[in-house]
Amino acid sequence: MSIEEKLKEIIADVLELDDPNIIQKDSDFFELGGNSLTAMIVAEQIKDTFGCELDFTEMYESAGFDSLVNMISDSMAVRKEPCA
């Protein structure tokens, strides 16, 4: 499963969205219904799933789905090993 697919599942689960596929590359986490509490939950699940830590500021400033995917990918590249 790709980073994009897994991240869609995480966000859809936390935000209780019926279909993860409504999340597009240009989707904004907060416009999808996210808030500060759900952002912290998603950040924790990203850490648990990918081993990549995002603090709330990063999550807030990079709330676009594509930006979140890129941050996870970049973190994985720096570590030179899969986070999952």
N, C-alpha and C. Protein backbone atom coordinates (compact mmCIF):
# COMPACT_ATOMS: atom_id res chain seq x y z
N MET A 1 0.85 -1.18 0.00
CA MET A 1 0.00 0.00 0.00
C MET A 1 0.89 1.25 0.00
N SER A 2 0.56 2.20 -0.84
CA SER A 2 1.38 3.40 -0.96
C SER A 2 1.16 4.35 0.23
N ILE A 3 2.06 5.30 0.36
CA ILE A 3 1.92 6.33 1.40
C ILE A 3 0.59 7.04 1.24
N GLU A 4 0.26 7.41 0.00
CA GLU A 4 -0.98 8.14 -0.27
C GLU A 4 -2.20 7.34 0.18
N GLU A 5 -2.23 6.07 -0.18
CA GLU A 5 -3.39 5.23 0.17
C GLU A 5 -3.52 5.07 1.68
N LYS A 6 -2.41 4.81 2.35
CA LYS A 6 -2.45 4.62 3.80
C LYS A 6 -2.83 5.91 4.50
N LEU A 7 -2.28 7.04 4.04
CA LEU A 7 -2.60 8.32 4.66
C LEU A 7 -4.07 8.67 4.46
N LYS A 8 -4.61 8.36 3.29
CA LYS A 8 -6.05 8.57 3.06
C LYS A 8 -6.87 7.76 4.06
N GLU A 9 -6.47 6.51 4.28
CA GLU A 9 -7.19 5.67 5.24
C GLU A 9 -7.13 6.25 6.64
N ILE A 10 -5.96 6.73 7.04
CA ILE A 10 -5.80 7.31 8.37
C ILE A 10 -6.71 8.53 8.53
N ILE A 11 -6.62 9.45 7.58
CA ILE A 11 -7.41 10.68 7.67
C ILE A 11 -8.90 10.38 7.62
N ALA A 12 -9.32 9.50 6.71
CA ALA A 12 -10.74 9.16 6.60
C ALA A 12 -11.25 8.52 7.89
N ASP A 13 -10.45 7.68 8.49
CA ASP A 13 -10.85 7.03 9.74
C ASP A 13 -11.01 8.06 10.85
N VAL A 14 -10.01 8.93 11.02
CA VAL A 14 -10.05 9.92 12.10
C VAL A 14 -11.19 10.91 11.90
N LEU A 15 -11.41 11.33 10.66
CA LEU A 15 -12.46 12.32 10.38
C LEU A 15 -13.82 11.67 10.12
N GLU A 16 -13.86 10.34 10.21
CA GLU A 16 -15.09 9.58 10.00
C GLU A 16 -15.72 9.88 8.64
N LEU A 17 -14.87 9.89 7.61
CA LEU A 17 -15.34 10.08 6.24
C LEU A 17 -15.77 8.72 5.69
N ASP A 18 -16.85 8.70 4.95
CA ASP A 18 -17.36 7.45 4.40
C ASP A 18 -16.44 6.83 3.36
N ASP A 19 -15.79 7.68 2.57
CA ASP A 19 -14.97 7.19 1.46
C ASP A 19 -13.62 7.91 1.44
N PRO A 20 -12.53 7.20 1.68
CA PRO A 20 -11.21 7.83 1.65
C PRO A 20 -10.88 8.46 0.29
N ASN A 21 -11.54 7.99 -0.76
CA ASN A 21 -11.23 8.49 -2.10
C ASN A 21 -11.75 9.90 -2.37
N ILE A 22 -12.50 10.47 -1.43
CA ILE A 22 -12.88 11.88 -1.60
C ILE A 22 -11.69 12.78 -1.30
N ILE A 23 -10.67 12.23 -0.67
CA ILE A 23 -9.45 12.98 -0.37
C ILE A 23 -8.59 13.01 -1.63
N GLN A 24 -8.36 14.22 -2.13
CA GLN A 24 -7.56 14.42 -3.34
C GLN A 24 -6.23 15.05 -2.98
N LYS A 25 -5.32 15.10 -3.95
CA LYS A 25 -3.99 15.69 -3.71
C LYS A 25 -4.06 17.12 -3.18
N ASP A 26 -5.07 17.87 -3.65
CA ASP A 26 -5.18 19.27 -3.23
C ASP A 26 -6.14 19.47 -2.05
N SER A 27 -6.60 18.37 -1.44
CA SER A 27 -7.51 18.47 -0.29
C SER A 27 -6.77 19.05 0.91
N ASP A 28 -7.46 19.88 1.66
CA ASP A 28 -6.93 20.47 2.88
C ASP A 28 -7.53 19.74 4.07
N PHE A 29 -6.69 19.31 4.98
CA PHE A 29 -7.13 18.55 6.14
C PHE A 29 -8.22 19.28 6.91
N PHE A 30 -8.06 20.56 7.12
CA PHE A 30 -9.02 21.32 7.92
C PHE A 30 -10.32 21.57 7.15
N GLU A 31 -10.23 21.70 5.84
CA GLU A 31 -11.44 21.85 5.03
C GLU A 31 -12.23 20.55 4.95
N LEU A 32 -11.56 19.43 5.17
CA LEU A 32 -12.24 18.13 5.20
C LEU A 32 -12.98 17.90 6.52
N GLY A 33 -12.79 18.80 7.46
CA GLY A 33 -13.46 18.69 8.76
C GLY A 33 -12.50 18.50 9.92
N GLY A 34 -11.20 18.55 9.65
CA GLY A 34 -10.22 18.39 10.71
C GLY A 34 -10.15 19.60 11.62
N ASN A 35 -9.65 19.38 12.83
CA ASN A 35 -9.43 20.46 13.79
C ASN A 35 -8.14 20.15 14.55
N SER A 36 -7.84 20.94 15.55
CA SER A 36 -6.57 20.76 16.25
C SER A 36 -6.48 19.39 16.93
N LEU A 37 -7.58 18.91 17.49
CA LEU A 37 -7.57 17.61 18.16
C LEU A 37 -7.37 16.48 17.16
N THR A 38 -8.12 16.52 16.05
CA THR A 38 -7.97 15.45 15.05
C THR A 38 -6.60 15.52 14.37
N ALA A 39 -6.04 16.73 14.25
CA ALA A 39 -4.69 16.86 13.69
C ALA A 39 -3.67 16.15 14.57
N MET A 40 -3.82 16.28 15.88
CA MET A 40 -2.91 15.60 16.80
C MET A 40 -3.07 14.08 16.70
N ILE A 41 -4.31 13.63 16.53
CA ILE A 41 -4.55 12.18 16.40
C ILE A 41 -3.94 11.66 15.10
N VAL A 42 -4.13 12.39 14.01
CA VAL A 42 -3.54 11.98 12.73
C VAL A 42 -2.02 11.97 12.83
N ALA A 43 -1.44 12.99 13.45
CA ALA A 43 0.02 13.04 13.60
C ALA A 43 0.52 11.83 14.38
N GLU A 44 -0.20 11.43 15.41
CA GLU A 44 0.18 10.25 16.20
C GLU A 44 0.07 8.98 15.37
N GLN A 45 -0.97 8.88 14.54
CA GLN A 45 -1.12 7.70 13.70
C GLN A 45 -0.07 7.66 12.59
N ILE A 46 0.33 8.84 12.10
CA ILE A 46 1.43 8.90 11.12
C ILE A 46 2.70 8.37 11.77
N LYS A 47 2.94 8.79 12.99
CA LYS A 47 4.13 8.31 13.72
C LYS A 47 4.07 6.79 13.90
N ASP A 48 2.92 6.28 14.32
CA ASP A 48 2.77 4.84 14.55
C ASP A 48 2.89 4.04 13.25
N THR A 49 2.36 4.58 12.15
CA THR A 49 2.32 3.85 10.88
C THR A 49 3.62 3.96 10.10
N PHE A 50 4.15 5.20 10.01
CA PHE A 50 5.32 5.45 9.16
C PHE A 50 6.60 5.68 9.95
N GLY A 51 6.49 5.87 11.26
CA GLY A 51 7.67 6.16 12.07
C GLY A 51 8.18 7.58 11.88
N CYS A 52 7.33 8.45 11.34
CA CYS A 52 7.71 9.83 11.04
C CYS A 52 6.98 10.77 11.98
N GLU A 53 7.72 11.58 12.71
CA GLU A 53 7.10 12.49 13.65
C GLU A 53 6.81 13.83 13.00
N LEU A 54 5.56 14.25 13.12
CA LEU A 54 5.13 15.57 12.69
C LEU A 54 4.58 16.29 13.91
N ASP A 55 5.06 17.50 14.17
CA ASP A 55 4.47 18.21 15.29
C ASP A 55 3.25 18.99 14.79
N PHE A 56 2.50 19.51 15.73
CA PHE A 56 1.24 20.18 15.38
C PHE A 56 1.47 21.34 14.43
N THR A 57 2.55 22.09 14.62
CA THR A 57 2.84 23.24 13.76
C THR A 57 3.02 22.79 12.32
N GLU A 58 3.78 21.72 12.11
CA GLU A 58 3.96 21.19 10.76
C GLU A 58 2.64 20.74 10.16
N MET A 59 1.84 20.08 10.97
CA MET A 59 0.54 19.61 10.51
C MET A 59 -0.35 20.78 10.13
N TYR A 60 -0.32 21.82 10.93
CA TYR A 60 -1.17 22.99 10.68
C TYR A 60 -0.72 23.76 9.45
N GLU A 61 0.59 23.95 9.32
CA GLU A 61 1.14 24.75 8.22
C GLU A 61 1.14 23.98 6.90
N SER A 62 1.13 22.68 6.96
CA SER A 62 1.16 21.85 5.74
C SER A 62 -0.06 20.95 5.70
N ALA A 63 -1.22 21.55 5.82
CA ALA A 63 -2.46 20.78 5.94
C ALA A 63 -2.93 20.18 4.62
N GLY A 64 -2.31 20.56 3.53
CA GLY A 64 -2.68 19.97 2.24
C GLY A 64 -2.25 18.52 2.18
N PHE A 65 -3.10 17.68 1.63
CA PHE A 65 -2.82 16.24 1.57
C PHE A 65 -1.48 15.97 0.89
N ASP A 66 -1.26 16.61 -0.25
CA ASP A 66 -0.02 16.40 -0.99
C ASP A 66 1.20 16.83 -0.16
N SER A 67 1.06 17.92 0.60
CA SER A 67 2.16 18.37 1.46
C SER A 67 2.46 17.35 2.55
N LEU A 68 1.42 16.77 3.12
CA LEU A 68 1.63 15.75 4.16
C LEU A 68 2.33 14.52 3.58
N VAL A 69 1.92 14.10 2.40
CA VAL A 69 2.56 12.96 1.73
C VAL A 69 4.04 13.27 1.50
N ASN A 70 4.33 14.48 1.02
CA ASN A 70 5.72 14.87 0.76
C ASN A 70 6.55 14.91 2.03
N MET A 71 5.97 15.38 3.13
CA MET A 71 6.71 15.42 4.39
C MET A 71 7.05 14.01 4.86
N ILE A 72 6.10 13.09 4.72
CA ILE A 72 6.36 11.69 5.10
C ILE A 72 7.43 11.09 4.19
N SER A 73 7.30 11.31 2.89
CA SER A 73 8.29 10.79 1.93
C SER A 73 9.67 11.34 2.21
N ASP A 74 9.76 12.65 2.48
CA ASP A 74 11.05 13.27 2.78
C ASP A 74 11.66 12.69 4.05
N SER A 75 10.84 12.48 5.05
CA SER A 75 11.33 11.90 6.29
C SER A 75 11.86 10.49 6.05
N MET A 76 11.17 9.73 5.24
CA MET A 76 11.62 8.38 4.92
C MET A 76 12.91 8.41 4.13
N ALA A 77 13.07 9.36 3.22
CA ALA A 77 14.28 9.46 2.41
C ALA A 77 15.50 9.82 3.26
N VAL A 78 15.30 10.69 4.24
CA VAL A 78 16.40 11.08 5.12
C VAL A 78 16.89 9.89 5.92
N ARG A 79 15.94 9.08 6.35
CA ARG A 79 16.29 7.89 7.14
C ARG A 79 16.83 6.77 6.27
N LYS A 80 16.57 6.86 4.93
CA LYS A 80 17.04 5.88 3.96
C LYS A 80 16.54 4.47 4.24
N GLU A 81 15.39 4.40 4.87
CA GLU A 81 14.75 3.12 5.10
C GLU A 81 13.26 3.37 5.18
N PRO A 82 12.46 2.39 4.85
CA PRO A 82 11.02 2.59 4.95
C PRO A 82 10.58 2.87 6.36
N CYS A 83 9.63 3.78 6.52
CA CYS A 83 9.08 4.06 7.84
C CYS A 83 8.09 2.99 8.25
N ALA A 84 7.50 2.33 7.28
CA ALA A 84 6.46 1.34 7.61
C ALA A 84 7.07 0.00 7.94
